[in-house]
């Protein structure tokens, strides 16, 4: 999915097949370096992350709450694909470190998916 505005974090998909993270734990990969360009003053930059394991509105709230707590994040939007790979769009005044997003997603009980 590279070339479509998705950021390839070089992560491996880890699915236990046991439902959403509300109901079962998942294992997690490691993140690659964030290479988002710095926006001009007053502009907002958005980065998209692929997240596995979300199945319901509670899942969306959990991820949104954790990612929103990252310093500098102004908005989080989730395109839920229940049981599949959902797209989480993070908006901020400056690029957000992909490792911080990965940690926030994992804190919520989910994992970033590979963009491949």
N, C-alpha and C. Protein backbone atom coordinates (compact mmCIF):
# COMPACT_ATOMS: atom_id res chain seq x y z
N UNK A 1 0.80 -1.19 0.00
CA UNK A 1 0.00 0.00 0.00
C UNK A 1 0.85 1.26 0.00
N UNK A 2 2.14 1.14 -0.18
CA UNK A 2 2.95 2.35 -0.26
C UNK A 2 2.58 3.10 -1.52
N UNK A 3 2.78 4.40 -1.51
CA UNK A 3 2.43 5.22 -2.66
C UNK A 3 1.00 5.72 -2.59
N UNK A 4 0.22 5.29 -1.60
CA UNK A 4 -1.16 5.73 -1.46
C UNK A 4 -1.33 6.58 -0.21
N UNK A 5 -0.25 7.17 0.29
CA UNK A 5 -0.32 8.01 1.46
C UNK A 5 -0.15 7.26 2.77
N UNK A 6 0.12 5.95 2.69
CA UNK A 6 0.34 5.17 3.90
C UNK A 6 1.82 5.14 4.21
N UNK A 7 2.13 5.17 5.47
CA UNK A 7 3.52 5.16 5.91
C UNK A 7 3.90 3.72 6.23
N UNK A 8 4.88 3.16 5.51
CA UNK A 8 5.35 1.81 5.76
C UNK A 8 6.29 1.84 6.95
N UNK A 9 5.86 1.23 8.04
CA UNK A 9 6.66 1.23 9.26
C UNK A 9 7.54 0.00 9.36
N UNK A 10 7.45 -0.91 8.38
CA UNK A 10 8.29 -2.10 8.38
C UNK A 10 7.92 -3.09 9.46
N UNK A 11 6.67 -3.06 9.91
CA UNK A 11 6.25 -3.96 10.97
C UNK A 11 5.65 -5.24 10.38
N UNK A 12 5.71 -6.29 11.16
CA UNK A 12 5.11 -7.55 10.76
C UNK A 12 3.76 -7.69 11.44
N UNK A 13 2.76 -8.18 10.70
CA UNK A 13 1.44 -8.38 11.26
C UNK A 13 1.50 -9.48 12.31
N UNK A 14 0.83 -9.25 13.44
CA UNK A 14 0.80 -10.25 14.50
C UNK A 14 -0.64 -10.44 14.94
N UNK A 15 -1.24 -11.51 14.53
CA UNK A 15 -2.63 -11.76 14.86
C UNK A 15 -2.76 -13.07 15.59
N UNK A 16 -3.47 -13.05 16.72
CA UNK A 16 -3.70 -14.27 17.48
C UNK A 16 -5.04 -14.87 17.12
N UNK A 17 -5.85 -14.17 16.32
CA UNK A 17 -7.14 -14.70 15.90
C UNK A 17 -8.15 -14.82 17.02
N UNK A 18 -7.93 -14.17 18.15
CA UNK A 18 -8.81 -14.31 19.29
C UNK A 18 -9.77 -13.16 19.49
N UNK A 19 -10.12 -12.42 18.46
CA UNK A 19 -11.02 -11.29 18.61
C UNK A 19 -10.25 -10.00 18.80
N UNK A 20 -10.98 -8.97 19.22
CA UNK A 20 -10.33 -7.67 19.40
C UNK A 20 -9.54 -7.63 20.70
N UNK A 21 -8.76 -6.60 20.86
CA UNK A 21 -7.92 -6.47 22.04
C UNK A 21 -8.74 -6.23 23.29
N UNK A 22 -10.01 -5.86 23.12
CA UNK A 22 -10.88 -5.74 24.29
C UNK A 22 -11.03 -7.09 24.97
N UNK A 23 -10.90 -8.16 24.16
CA UNK A 23 -11.17 -9.51 24.65
C UNK A 23 -9.94 -10.39 24.73
N UNK A 24 -8.90 -10.09 23.99
CA UNK A 24 -7.72 -10.95 24.00
C UNK A 24 -6.46 -10.14 23.72
N UNK A 25 -5.31 -10.58 24.28
CA UNK A 25 -4.05 -9.88 24.05
C UNK A 25 -3.49 -10.19 22.67
N UNK A 26 -2.61 -9.30 22.18
CA UNK A 26 -1.90 -9.55 20.92
C UNK A 26 -0.42 -9.34 21.16
N UNK A 27 0.41 -9.89 20.27
CA UNK A 27 1.84 -9.63 20.35
C UNK A 27 2.15 -8.48 19.42
N UNK A 28 3.32 -7.89 19.57
CA UNK A 28 3.63 -6.66 18.84
C UNK A 28 4.99 -6.72 18.17
N UNK A 29 5.13 -5.98 17.04
CA UNK A 29 6.39 -5.89 16.31
C UNK A 29 7.15 -4.65 16.73
N UNK A 30 8.15 -4.29 15.94
CA UNK A 30 8.92 -3.08 16.22
C UNK A 30 8.73 -2.09 15.09
N UNK A 31 8.84 -0.82 15.38
CA UNK A 31 8.58 0.22 14.39
C UNK A 31 9.85 0.68 13.71
N UNK A 32 9.69 1.19 12.49
CA UNK A 32 10.80 1.78 11.75
C UNK A 32 10.83 3.28 12.01
N UNK A 33 11.81 3.97 11.49
CA UNK A 33 11.95 5.41 11.68
C UNK A 33 10.88 6.17 10.91
N UNK A 34 10.32 7.19 11.51
CA UNK A 34 9.33 8.05 10.88
C UNK A 34 10.07 9.01 9.94
N UNK A 35 9.60 9.11 8.68
CA UNK A 35 10.27 9.97 7.71
C UNK A 35 9.35 11.07 7.19
N UNK A 36 8.33 11.48 7.95
CA UNK A 36 7.40 12.50 7.53
C UNK A 36 8.10 13.86 7.46
N UNK A 37 7.82 14.63 6.41
CA UNK A 37 8.44 15.95 6.23
C UNK A 37 7.85 16.96 7.22
N UNK A 38 8.62 17.96 7.58
CA UNK A 38 8.17 19.00 8.50
C UNK A 38 7.30 19.99 7.71
N UNK A 39 6.08 20.29 8.20
CA UNK A 39 5.19 21.21 7.48
C UNK A 39 5.61 22.66 7.69
N UNK A 40 5.11 23.54 6.81
CA UNK A 40 5.34 24.98 6.97
C UNK A 40 4.58 25.46 8.20
N UNK A 41 5.03 26.57 8.78
CA UNK A 41 4.41 27.10 9.99
C UNK A 41 2.91 27.33 9.76
N UNK A 42 2.09 26.88 10.72
CA UNK A 42 0.64 27.05 10.64
C UNK A 42 -0.06 25.92 9.91
N UNK A 43 0.68 25.05 9.24
CA UNK A 43 0.07 23.92 8.54
C UNK A 43 0.00 22.71 9.45
N UNK A 44 -0.86 21.79 9.08
CA UNK A 44 -1.00 20.54 9.82
C UNK A 44 -0.49 19.40 8.96
N UNK A 45 0.23 18.48 9.58
CA UNK A 45 0.70 17.30 8.88
C UNK A 45 -0.14 16.11 9.37
N UNK A 46 -0.45 15.22 8.45
CA UNK A 46 -1.19 14.01 8.80
C UNK A 46 -0.39 12.79 8.39
N UNK A 47 -0.41 11.78 9.23
CA UNK A 47 0.25 10.51 8.93
C UNK A 47 -0.76 9.41 9.16
N UNK A 48 -0.74 8.40 8.30
CA UNK A 48 -1.67 7.28 8.43
C UNK A 48 -0.92 6.05 8.91
N UNK A 49 -1.56 5.33 9.82
CA UNK A 49 -1.02 4.10 10.38
C UNK A 49 -2.06 3.01 10.24
N UNK A 50 -1.61 1.82 9.92
CA UNK A 50 -2.51 0.67 9.79
C UNK A 50 -2.51 -0.10 11.10
N UNK A 51 -3.70 -0.34 11.65
CA UNK A 51 -3.84 -0.98 12.95
C UNK A 51 -4.70 -2.23 12.83
N UNK A 52 -4.21 -3.31 13.42
CA UNK A 52 -4.93 -4.59 13.41
C UNK A 52 -5.67 -4.80 14.72
N UNK A 53 -6.78 -5.51 14.63
CA UNK A 53 -7.45 -6.01 15.81
C UNK A 53 -8.66 -5.24 16.30
N UNK A 54 -8.94 -4.08 15.75
CA UNK A 54 -10.09 -3.31 16.21
C UNK A 54 -11.36 -3.87 15.57
N UNK A 55 -12.41 -4.02 16.40
CA UNK A 55 -13.66 -4.57 15.88
C UNK A 55 -14.89 -3.75 16.22
N UNK A 56 -14.76 -2.77 17.12
CA UNK A 56 -15.95 -2.06 17.58
C UNK A 56 -15.62 -0.61 17.96
N UNK A 57 -16.67 0.13 18.34
CA UNK A 57 -16.47 1.53 18.72
C UNK A 57 -15.64 1.66 19.99
N UNK A 58 -15.69 0.69 20.88
CA UNK A 58 -14.84 0.74 22.08
C UNK A 58 -13.37 0.66 21.68
N UNK A 59 -13.06 -0.19 20.70
CA UNK A 59 -11.70 -0.31 20.20
C UNK A 59 -11.23 1.04 19.65
N UNK A 60 -12.08 1.68 18.86
CA UNK A 60 -11.76 2.98 18.27
C UNK A 60 -11.50 4.00 19.36
N UNK A 61 -12.36 4.04 20.38
CA UNK A 61 -12.17 5.00 21.48
C UNK A 61 -10.85 4.75 22.21
N UNK A 62 -10.52 3.49 22.43
CA UNK A 62 -9.28 3.16 23.15
C UNK A 62 -8.06 3.67 22.40
N UNK A 63 -8.01 3.40 21.10
CA UNK A 63 -6.87 3.84 20.28
C UNK A 63 -6.85 5.36 20.18
N UNK A 64 -8.00 5.96 19.95
CA UNK A 64 -8.08 7.42 19.83
C UNK A 64 -7.60 8.09 21.11
N UNK A 65 -8.01 7.58 22.25
CA UNK A 65 -7.60 8.16 23.54
C UNK A 65 -6.09 8.08 23.74
N UNK A 66 -5.51 6.93 23.47
CA UNK A 66 -4.06 6.76 23.68
C UNK A 66 -3.24 7.60 22.71
N UNK A 67 -3.61 7.60 21.43
CA UNK A 67 -2.84 8.35 20.43
C UNK A 67 -3.02 9.85 20.64
N UNK A 68 -4.21 10.28 21.05
CA UNK A 68 -4.47 11.71 21.30
C UNK A 68 -3.62 12.24 22.45
N UNK A 69 -3.17 11.36 23.34
CA UNK A 69 -2.36 11.79 24.49
C UNK A 69 -0.91 12.10 24.11
N UNK A 70 -0.51 11.78 22.89
CA UNK A 70 0.85 12.09 22.44
C UNK A 70 0.98 13.60 22.26
N UNK A 71 2.05 14.18 22.82
CA UNK A 71 2.28 15.62 22.69
C UNK A 71 2.26 16.05 21.23
N UNK A 72 1.52 17.12 20.95
CA UNK A 72 1.48 17.68 19.61
C UNK A 72 0.36 17.16 18.73
N UNK A 73 -0.27 16.05 19.10
CA UNK A 73 -1.35 15.49 18.29
C UNK A 73 -2.59 16.36 18.45
N UNK A 74 -3.14 16.83 17.31
CA UNK A 74 -4.31 17.70 17.35
C UNK A 74 -5.59 16.96 16.99
N UNK A 75 -5.48 15.82 16.28
CA UNK A 75 -6.68 15.08 15.88
C UNK A 75 -6.30 13.65 15.55
N UNK A 76 -7.21 12.72 15.85
CA UNK A 76 -7.05 11.32 15.49
C UNK A 76 -8.36 10.87 14.85
N UNK A 77 -8.27 10.31 13.65
CA UNK A 77 -9.45 9.80 12.96
C UNK A 77 -9.21 8.33 12.64
N UNK A 78 -10.23 7.50 12.88
CA UNK A 78 -10.10 6.07 12.65
C UNK A 78 -11.13 5.63 11.62
N UNK A 79 -10.64 4.95 10.57
CA UNK A 79 -11.52 4.31 9.59
C UNK A 79 -11.56 2.84 9.97
N UNK A 80 -12.59 2.45 10.76
CA UNK A 80 -12.69 1.09 11.29
C UNK A 80 -13.04 0.09 10.21
N UNK A 81 -12.24 -0.94 10.11
CA UNK A 81 -12.51 -2.10 9.27
C UNK A 81 -12.60 -3.28 10.24
N UNK A 82 -13.79 -3.50 10.80
CA UNK A 82 -13.98 -4.48 11.87
C UNK A 82 -13.38 -5.83 11.51
N UNK A 83 -12.45 -6.28 12.36
CA UNK A 83 -11.81 -7.56 12.17
C UNK A 83 -10.69 -7.55 11.16
N UNK A 84 -10.48 -6.42 10.49
CA UNK A 84 -9.43 -6.32 9.48
C UNK A 84 -8.38 -5.30 9.90
N UNK A 85 -7.85 -4.60 8.92
CA UNK A 85 -6.83 -3.59 9.17
C UNK A 85 -7.49 -2.22 9.04
N UNK A 86 -7.52 -1.48 10.13
CA UNK A 86 -8.13 -0.15 10.16
C UNK A 86 -7.06 0.91 9.92
N UNK A 87 -7.48 2.05 9.37
CA UNK A 87 -6.56 3.16 9.13
C UNK A 87 -6.76 4.22 10.21
N UNK A 88 -5.67 4.58 10.87
CA UNK A 88 -5.69 5.62 11.89
C UNK A 88 -4.91 6.80 11.33
N UNK A 89 -5.57 7.95 11.20
CA UNK A 89 -4.94 9.16 10.69
C UNK A 89 -4.66 10.08 11.87
N UNK A 90 -3.38 10.43 12.02
CA UNK A 90 -2.93 11.28 13.12
C UNK A 90 -2.53 12.64 12.55
N UNK A 91 -3.16 13.70 13.04
CA UNK A 91 -2.85 15.06 12.60
C UNK A 91 -2.14 15.80 13.71
N UNK A 92 -1.15 16.61 13.30
CA UNK A 92 -0.36 17.37 14.27
C UNK A 92 0.32 18.53 13.57
N UNK A 93 0.84 19.46 14.36
CA UNK A 93 1.54 20.62 13.81
C UNK A 93 2.93 20.25 13.33
N UNK A 94 3.50 19.19 13.88
CA UNK A 94 4.82 18.69 13.49
C UNK A 94 4.73 17.18 13.38
N UNK A 95 5.62 16.56 12.64
CA UNK A 95 5.57 15.10 12.52
C UNK A 95 5.63 14.42 13.88
N UNK A 96 4.83 13.37 14.03
CA UNK A 96 4.80 12.60 15.27
C UNK A 96 5.69 11.37 15.07
N UNK A 97 6.51 11.09 16.04
CA UNK A 97 7.40 9.93 16.00
C UNK A 97 6.57 8.65 15.90
N UNK A 98 6.84 7.86 14.87
CA UNK A 98 6.10 6.61 14.64
C UNK A 98 6.22 5.65 15.83
N UNK A 99 7.35 5.69 16.51
CA UNK A 99 7.53 4.83 17.70
C UNK A 99 6.56 5.22 18.81
N UNK A 100 6.27 6.51 18.96
CA UNK A 100 5.29 6.95 19.95
C UNK A 100 3.89 6.49 19.60
N UNK A 101 3.58 6.52 18.30
CA UNK A 101 2.26 6.03 17.86
C UNK A 101 2.17 4.53 18.10
N UNK A 102 3.22 3.79 17.75
CA UNK A 102 3.22 2.34 17.97
C UNK A 102 3.00 2.03 19.45
N UNK A 103 3.72 2.74 20.32
CA UNK A 103 3.59 2.50 21.76
C UNK A 103 2.18 2.83 22.24
N UNK A 104 1.58 3.90 21.74
CA UNK A 104 0.22 4.27 22.13
C UNK A 104 -0.79 3.23 21.67
N UNK A 105 -0.63 2.76 20.43
CA UNK A 105 -1.52 1.72 19.89
C UNK A 105 -1.40 0.45 20.72
N UNK A 106 -0.18 0.08 21.06
CA UNK A 106 0.04 -1.11 21.89
C UNK A 106 -0.52 -0.93 23.29
N UNK A 107 -0.40 0.27 23.84
CA UNK A 107 -0.97 0.56 25.16
C UNK A 107 -2.49 0.36 25.15
N UNK A 108 -3.11 0.67 24.01
CA UNK A 108 -4.55 0.48 23.87
C UNK A 108 -4.90 -1.00 23.66
N UNK A 109 -3.89 -1.82 23.37
CA UNK A 109 -4.11 -3.26 23.23
C UNK A 109 -4.14 -3.78 21.80
N UNK A 110 -3.61 -3.00 20.87
CA UNK A 110 -3.65 -3.37 19.45
C UNK A 110 -2.24 -3.34 18.89
N UNK A 111 -2.10 -3.64 17.60
CA UNK A 111 -0.78 -3.62 16.98
C UNK A 111 -0.84 -2.96 15.61
N UNK A 112 0.28 -2.32 15.23
CA UNK A 112 0.39 -1.77 13.89
C UNK A 112 0.60 -2.93 12.92
N UNK A 113 0.00 -2.79 11.75
CA UNK A 113 0.10 -3.80 10.71
C UNK A 113 1.15 -3.41 9.71
N UNK A 114 1.67 -4.38 9.01
CA UNK A 114 2.62 -4.12 7.92
C UNK A 114 1.86 -3.48 6.77
N UNK A 115 2.46 -2.51 6.10
CA UNK A 115 1.83 -1.84 4.97
C UNK A 115 1.93 -2.66 3.69
N UNK A 116 2.63 -3.77 3.71
CA UNK A 116 2.82 -4.56 2.49
C UNK A 116 1.71 -5.52 2.22
